[in-house]
Amino acid sequence: MQALLFSFQGRVNRAKFWLVAIVATVVVSIVIGIVFGGMAAGSNSSNALGAMGVVGGILLLWINLAVAVKRCHDRNRSGWFVLLSLVPFLNIWYIVEVGFLKGTTGPNTYGPDPLAAG
């Protein structure tokens, strides 16, 4: 699980990409909400709340970026392909490629097929 969420090496299929993107976002958001809610009720320190928000945001960004890069690898593209998601109109091409198209069948430059048995 640690390699899936924090490593930029290897490949992931569409199902894992969407699962991590949705579940990680929801779980981290809920945890941050619980922490913020508990801290807000028991403390007057906005610095602590801000720090927790920054840490949670960085964690969420890292996880989503790592999985997105591995998904690009599954399409036999460099991780730099993720930068297309920041460009208006080209981000549509990015989300179609990464989110909906099948990955490279068999091994590619970035590793073995994640759908291969074994």
N, C-alpha and C. Protein backbone atom coordinates (compact mmCIF):
# COMPACT_ATOMS: atom_id res chain seq x y z
N MET A 1 0.83 -1.19 0.00
CA MET A 1 0.00 0.00 0.00
C MET A 1 0.87 1.26 0.00
N GLN A 2 1.97 1.22 0.74
CA GLN A 2 2.87 2.39 0.78
C GLN A 2 3.45 2.68 -0.59
N ALA A 3 3.84 1.64 -1.31
CA ALA A 3 4.39 1.84 -2.66
C ALA A 3 3.32 2.41 -3.60
N LEU A 4 2.09 1.98 -3.44
CA LEU A 4 1.00 2.48 -4.28
C LEU A 4 0.77 3.97 -4.04
N LEU A 5 0.79 4.40 -2.80
CA LEU A 5 0.42 5.77 -2.46
C LEU A 5 1.56 6.77 -2.51
N PHE A 6 2.79 6.33 -2.30
CA PHE A 6 3.87 7.30 -2.14
C PHE A 6 5.00 7.19 -3.15
N SER A 7 5.08 6.09 -3.89
CA SER A 7 6.14 5.90 -4.87
C SER A 7 5.73 6.42 -6.24
N PHE A 8 6.71 6.90 -7.00
CA PHE A 8 6.45 7.37 -8.36
C PHE A 8 6.93 6.34 -9.39
N GLN A 9 7.28 5.14 -8.94
CA GLN A 9 7.78 4.08 -9.81
C GLN A 9 6.69 3.07 -10.09
N GLY A 10 6.69 2.52 -11.30
CA GLY A 10 5.77 1.44 -11.65
C GLY A 10 4.54 1.93 -12.38
N ARG A 11 3.53 1.06 -12.39
CA ARG A 11 2.31 1.31 -13.16
C ARG A 11 1.09 0.96 -12.31
N VAL A 12 -0.03 1.64 -12.57
CA VAL A 12 -1.31 1.26 -11.99
C VAL A 12 -2.37 1.29 -13.09
N ASN A 13 -3.37 0.44 -12.93
CA ASN A 13 -4.46 0.40 -13.91
C ASN A 13 -5.50 1.47 -13.59
N ARG A 14 -6.49 1.57 -14.47
CA ARG A 14 -7.53 2.60 -14.30
C ARG A 14 -8.30 2.44 -13.00
N ALA A 15 -8.62 1.21 -12.64
CA ALA A 15 -9.43 0.98 -11.43
C ALA A 15 -8.71 1.50 -10.19
N LYS A 16 -7.43 1.17 -10.06
CA LYS A 16 -6.68 1.65 -8.89
C LYS A 16 -6.51 3.16 -8.94
N PHE A 17 -6.31 3.71 -10.13
CA PHE A 17 -6.18 5.16 -10.27
C PHE A 17 -7.43 5.85 -9.71
N TRP A 18 -8.61 5.43 -10.18
CA TRP A 18 -9.85 6.06 -9.73
C TRP A 18 -10.12 5.77 -8.26
N LEU A 19 -9.84 4.55 -7.82
CA LEU A 19 -10.07 4.19 -6.43
C LEU A 19 -9.24 5.07 -5.50
N VAL A 20 -7.96 5.18 -5.79
CA VAL A 20 -7.08 6.00 -4.94
C VAL A 20 -7.46 7.47 -5.03
N ALA A 21 -7.73 7.94 -6.24
CA ALA A 21 -8.07 9.35 -6.40
C ALA A 21 -9.32 9.71 -5.58
N ILE A 22 -10.32 8.86 -5.63
CA ILE A 22 -11.57 9.15 -4.92
C ILE A 22 -11.44 8.85 -3.43
N VAL A 23 -10.97 7.66 -3.09
CA VAL A 23 -10.90 7.26 -1.68
C VAL A 23 -9.90 8.11 -0.91
N ALA A 24 -8.73 8.34 -1.48
CA ALA A 24 -7.73 9.15 -0.77
C ALA A 24 -8.26 10.55 -0.51
N THR A 25 -8.90 11.12 -1.50
CA THR A 25 -9.46 12.46 -1.34
C THR A 25 -10.52 12.48 -0.25
N VAL A 26 -11.42 11.51 -0.27
CA VAL A 26 -12.49 11.47 0.72
C VAL A 26 -11.93 11.20 2.11
N VAL A 27 -11.07 10.19 2.25
CA VAL A 27 -10.54 9.82 3.56
C VAL A 27 -9.71 10.96 4.16
N VAL A 28 -8.79 11.51 3.39
CA VAL A 28 -7.96 12.60 3.91
C VAL A 28 -8.83 13.81 4.25
N SER A 29 -9.81 14.09 3.44
CA SER A 29 -10.71 15.22 3.73
C SER A 29 -11.50 14.99 5.01
N ILE A 30 -11.98 13.77 5.22
CA ILE A 30 -12.73 13.45 6.44
C ILE A 30 -11.82 13.55 7.66
N VAL A 31 -10.61 13.00 7.56
CA VAL A 31 -9.68 13.07 8.69
C VAL A 31 -9.34 14.52 9.02
N ILE A 32 -9.08 15.31 8.00
CA ILE A 32 -8.78 16.73 8.23
C ILE A 32 -10.00 17.41 8.87
N GLY A 33 -11.19 17.09 8.39
CA GLY A 33 -12.41 17.67 8.96
C GLY A 33 -12.59 17.30 10.41
N ILE A 34 -12.33 16.04 10.76
CA ILE A 34 -12.46 15.60 12.16
C ILE A 34 -11.42 16.31 13.02
N VAL A 35 -10.18 16.35 12.53
CA VAL A 35 -9.12 17.01 13.29
C VAL A 35 -9.43 18.49 13.45
N PHE A 36 -9.82 19.14 12.34
CA PHE A 36 -10.17 20.56 12.41
C PHE A 36 -11.33 20.79 13.37
N GLY A 37 -12.35 19.94 13.28
CA GLY A 37 -13.51 20.09 14.16
C GLY A 37 -13.14 19.93 15.62
N GLY A 38 -12.33 18.91 15.92
CA GLY A 38 -11.90 18.69 17.31
C GLY A 38 -11.01 19.80 17.81
N MET A 39 -10.11 20.26 16.97
CA MET A 39 -9.20 21.32 17.39
C MET A 39 -9.93 22.65 17.51
N ALA A 40 -10.88 22.88 16.62
CA ALA A 40 -11.61 24.15 16.65
C ALA A 40 -12.46 24.23 17.90
N ALA A 41 -13.00 23.10 18.34
CA ALA A 41 -13.86 23.10 19.52
C ALA A 41 -13.05 23.28 20.80
N GLY A 42 -11.82 22.77 20.80
CA GLY A 42 -11.04 22.79 22.04
C GLY A 42 -9.90 23.77 22.08
N SER A 43 -9.73 24.57 21.04
CA SER A 43 -8.55 25.44 20.98
C SER A 43 -8.89 26.74 20.27
N ASN A 44 -8.15 27.76 20.63
CA ASN A 44 -8.29 29.04 19.95
C ASN A 44 -7.15 29.29 18.98
N SER A 45 -6.33 28.28 18.74
CA SER A 45 -5.14 28.46 17.92
C SER A 45 -5.44 28.21 16.45
N SER A 46 -5.50 29.28 15.68
CA SER A 46 -5.72 29.13 14.24
C SER A 46 -4.45 28.68 13.53
N ASN A 47 -3.28 28.88 14.15
CA ASN A 47 -2.03 28.43 13.55
C ASN A 47 -1.99 26.91 13.45
N ALA A 48 -2.45 26.22 14.47
CA ALA A 48 -2.47 24.76 14.46
C ALA A 48 -3.43 24.26 13.39
N LEU A 49 -4.57 24.91 13.27
CA LEU A 49 -5.54 24.51 12.25
C LEU A 49 -4.97 24.72 10.85
N GLY A 50 -4.33 25.84 10.65
CA GLY A 50 -3.72 26.13 9.34
C GLY A 50 -2.63 25.14 9.00
N ALA A 51 -1.81 24.79 9.99
CA ALA A 51 -0.73 23.83 9.76
C ALA A 51 -1.28 22.46 9.39
N MET A 52 -2.34 22.04 10.07
CA MET A 52 -2.95 20.74 9.75
C MET A 52 -3.53 20.75 8.34
N GLY A 53 -4.11 21.86 7.94
CA GLY A 53 -4.65 21.97 6.59
C GLY A 53 -3.57 21.89 5.54
N VAL A 54 -2.44 22.54 5.80
CA VAL A 54 -1.32 22.51 4.87
C VAL A 54 -0.74 21.10 4.77
N VAL A 55 -0.54 20.45 5.92
CA VAL A 55 0.00 19.08 5.92
C VAL A 55 -0.95 18.12 5.20
N GLY A 56 -2.23 18.23 5.48
CA GLY A 56 -3.21 17.37 4.81
C GLY A 56 -3.25 17.62 3.31
N GLY A 57 -3.18 18.88 2.93
CA GLY A 57 -3.18 19.23 1.50
C GLY A 57 -1.96 18.69 0.78
N ILE A 58 -0.80 18.81 1.40
CA ILE A 58 0.44 18.29 0.81
C ILE A 58 0.37 16.77 0.69
N LEU A 59 -0.13 16.11 1.73
CA LEU A 59 -0.27 14.65 1.69
C LEU A 59 -1.20 14.22 0.56
N LEU A 60 -2.32 14.90 0.45
CA LEU A 60 -3.28 14.58 -0.60
C LEU A 60 -2.70 14.83 -1.99
N LEU A 61 -2.00 15.94 -2.16
CA LEU A 61 -1.35 16.26 -3.43
C LEU A 61 -0.32 15.19 -3.79
N TRP A 62 0.50 14.80 -2.83
CA TRP A 62 1.54 13.79 -3.07
C TRP A 62 0.92 12.46 -3.51
N ILE A 63 -0.09 12.00 -2.80
CA ILE A 63 -0.73 10.72 -3.12
C ILE A 63 -1.33 10.76 -4.51
N ASN A 64 -2.09 11.81 -4.80
CA ASN A 64 -2.73 11.90 -6.12
C ASN A 64 -1.70 12.05 -7.24
N LEU A 65 -0.63 12.79 -7.00
CA LEU A 65 0.41 12.94 -8.00
C LEU A 65 1.14 11.62 -8.25
N ALA A 66 1.46 10.89 -7.19
CA ALA A 66 2.15 9.60 -7.34
C ALA A 66 1.32 8.62 -8.16
N VAL A 67 0.04 8.54 -7.86
CA VAL A 67 -0.84 7.61 -8.60
C VAL A 67 -1.03 8.08 -10.04
N ALA A 68 -1.15 9.38 -10.25
CA ALA A 68 -1.31 9.91 -11.61
C ALA A 68 -0.07 9.62 -12.46
N VAL A 69 1.12 9.78 -11.88
CA VAL A 69 2.36 9.48 -12.61
C VAL A 69 2.41 8.01 -12.97
N LYS A 70 2.04 7.14 -12.04
CA LYS A 70 2.05 5.70 -12.33
C LYS A 70 1.00 5.34 -13.39
N ARG A 71 -0.10 6.07 -13.39
CA ARG A 71 -1.10 5.84 -14.44
C ARG A 71 -0.58 6.27 -15.80
N CYS A 72 0.16 7.39 -15.84
CA CYS A 72 0.82 7.80 -17.09
C CYS A 72 1.79 6.73 -17.55
N HIS A 73 2.52 6.16 -16.61
CA HIS A 73 3.45 5.09 -16.94
C HIS A 73 2.71 3.90 -17.56
N ASP A 74 1.51 3.62 -17.07
CA ASP A 74 0.74 2.50 -17.62
C ASP A 74 0.36 2.77 -19.07
N ARG A 75 0.22 4.03 -19.43
CA ARG A 75 -0.07 4.41 -20.82
C ARG A 75 1.23 4.56 -21.63
N ASN A 76 2.36 4.20 -21.02
CA ASN A 76 3.71 4.30 -21.61
C ASN A 76 4.07 5.76 -21.90
N ARG A 77 3.71 6.62 -21.00
CA ARG A 77 4.04 8.05 -21.08
C ARG A 77 4.87 8.43 -19.86
N SER A 78 5.66 9.45 -20.03
CA SER A 78 6.45 9.98 -18.92
C SER A 78 5.51 10.57 -17.87
N GLY A 79 5.96 10.62 -16.64
CA GLY A 79 5.20 11.26 -15.58
C GLY A 79 4.97 12.74 -15.82
N TRP A 80 5.80 13.34 -16.64
CA TRP A 80 5.64 14.75 -16.99
C TRP A 80 4.34 15.01 -17.73
N PHE A 81 3.73 13.97 -18.27
CA PHE A 81 2.45 14.09 -18.96
C PHE A 81 1.37 14.67 -18.03
N VAL A 82 1.56 14.49 -16.72
CA VAL A 82 0.63 15.02 -15.71
C VAL A 82 0.49 16.53 -15.84
N LEU A 83 1.54 17.20 -16.30
CA LEU A 83 1.49 18.66 -16.43
C LEU A 83 0.41 19.12 -17.39
N LEU A 84 -0.01 18.26 -18.31
CA LEU A 84 -1.11 18.62 -19.21
C LEU A 84 -2.40 18.90 -18.45
N SER A 85 -2.51 18.32 -17.27
CA SER A 85 -3.73 18.55 -16.48
C SER A 85 -3.85 20.00 -16.03
N LEU A 86 -2.78 20.76 -16.11
CA LEU A 86 -2.79 22.17 -15.70
C LEU A 86 -3.09 23.13 -16.85
N VAL A 87 -3.12 22.61 -18.08
CA VAL A 87 -3.30 23.45 -19.26
C VAL A 87 -4.76 23.38 -19.72
N PRO A 88 -5.45 24.53 -19.76
CA PRO A 88 -6.85 24.51 -20.22
C PRO A 88 -6.98 23.86 -21.61
N PHE A 89 -8.03 23.11 -21.79
CA PHE A 89 -8.37 22.36 -23.00
C PHE A 89 -7.50 21.13 -23.18
N LEU A 90 -6.18 21.24 -22.95
CA LEU A 90 -5.33 20.04 -23.03
C LEU A 90 -5.60 19.12 -21.84
N ASN A 91 -6.14 19.67 -20.76
CA ASN A 91 -6.46 18.83 -19.61
C ASN A 91 -7.55 17.81 -19.94
N ILE A 92 -8.35 18.09 -20.95
CA ILE A 92 -9.36 17.12 -21.39
C ILE A 92 -8.67 15.90 -21.99
N TRP A 93 -7.66 16.15 -22.82
CA TRP A 93 -6.86 15.06 -23.40
C TRP A 93 -6.22 14.24 -22.28
N TYR A 94 -5.66 14.91 -21.28
CA TYR A 94 -5.02 14.23 -20.16
C TYR A 94 -6.01 13.30 -19.45
N ILE A 95 -7.19 13.82 -19.08
CA ILE A 95 -8.12 13.00 -18.30
C ILE A 95 -8.68 11.84 -19.12
N VAL A 96 -8.84 12.02 -20.43
CA VAL A 96 -9.29 10.91 -21.28
C VAL A 96 -8.21 9.83 -21.31
N GLU A 97 -6.97 10.23 -21.55
CA GLU A 97 -5.87 9.25 -21.62
C GLU A 97 -5.68 8.53 -20.30
N VAL A 98 -5.57 9.28 -19.24
CA VAL A 98 -5.23 8.71 -17.93
C VAL A 98 -6.44 8.03 -17.28
N GLY A 99 -7.59 8.63 -17.42
CA GLY A 99 -8.74 8.12 -16.70
C GLY A 99 -9.56 7.07 -17.42
N PHE A 100 -9.51 7.04 -18.75
CA PHE A 100 -10.45 6.19 -19.46
C PHE A 100 -9.84 5.21 -20.46
N LEU A 101 -8.65 5.46 -20.96
CA LEU A 101 -8.05 4.56 -21.95
C LEU A 101 -7.27 3.44 -21.28
N LYS A 102 -7.31 2.28 -21.89
CA LYS A 102 -6.60 1.10 -21.38
C LYS A 102 -5.10 1.33 -21.42
N GLY A 103 -4.41 0.78 -20.46
CA GLY A 103 -2.95 0.89 -20.41
C GLY A 103 -2.30 0.00 -21.45
N THR A 104 -0.99 0.12 -21.57
CA THR A 104 -0.21 -0.69 -22.49
C THR A 104 -0.32 -2.16 -22.09
N THR A 105 -0.63 -3.01 -23.04
CA THR A 105 -0.70 -4.44 -22.77
C THR A 105 0.71 -5.00 -22.67
N GLY A 106 0.95 -5.78 -21.64
CA GLY A 106 2.26 -6.36 -21.42
C GLY A 106 3.22 -5.35 -20.83
N PRO A 107 4.48 -5.77 -20.65
CA PRO A 107 5.47 -4.86 -20.06
C PRO A 107 5.76 -3.68 -20.98
N ASN A 108 6.11 -2.55 -20.39
CA ASN A 108 6.55 -1.40 -21.17
C ASN A 108 7.78 -0.80 -20.51
N THR A 109 8.16 0.37 -20.91
CA THR A 109 9.36 1.03 -20.39
C THR A 109 9.33 1.19 -18.88
N TYR A 110 8.14 1.27 -18.29
CA TYR A 110 8.00 1.61 -16.88
C TYR A 110 7.71 0.41 -15.98
N GLY A 111 7.62 -0.79 -16.54
CA GLY A 111 7.43 -1.96 -15.70
C GLY A 111 6.45 -2.96 -16.30
N PRO A 112 6.16 -3.99 -15.52
CA PRO A 112 5.25 -5.03 -15.99
C PRO A 112 3.80 -4.54 -15.99
N ASP A 113 2.98 -5.25 -16.77
CA ASP A 113 1.56 -4.94 -16.87
C ASP A 113 0.89 -5.14 -15.51
N PRO A 114 0.22 -4.12 -14.96
CA PRO A 114 -0.43 -4.30 -13.64
C PRO A 114 -1.61 -5.27 -13.69
N LEU A 115 -2.13 -5.56 -14.86
CA LEU A 115 -3.24 -6.50 -14.97
C LEU A 115 -2.78 -7.94 -15.18
N ALA A 116 -1.47 -8.13 -15.41
CA ALA A 116 -0.94 -9.48 -15.64
C ALA A 116 -1.03 -10.28 -14.34
N ALA A 117 -1.38 -11.54 -14.48
CA ALA A 117 -1.47 -12.42 -13.30
C ALA A 117 -0.10 -12.61 -12.69
N GLY A 118 -0.07 -12.61 -11.37
CA GLY A 118 1.20 -12.90 -10.71
C GLY A 118 1.52 -11.88 -9.78
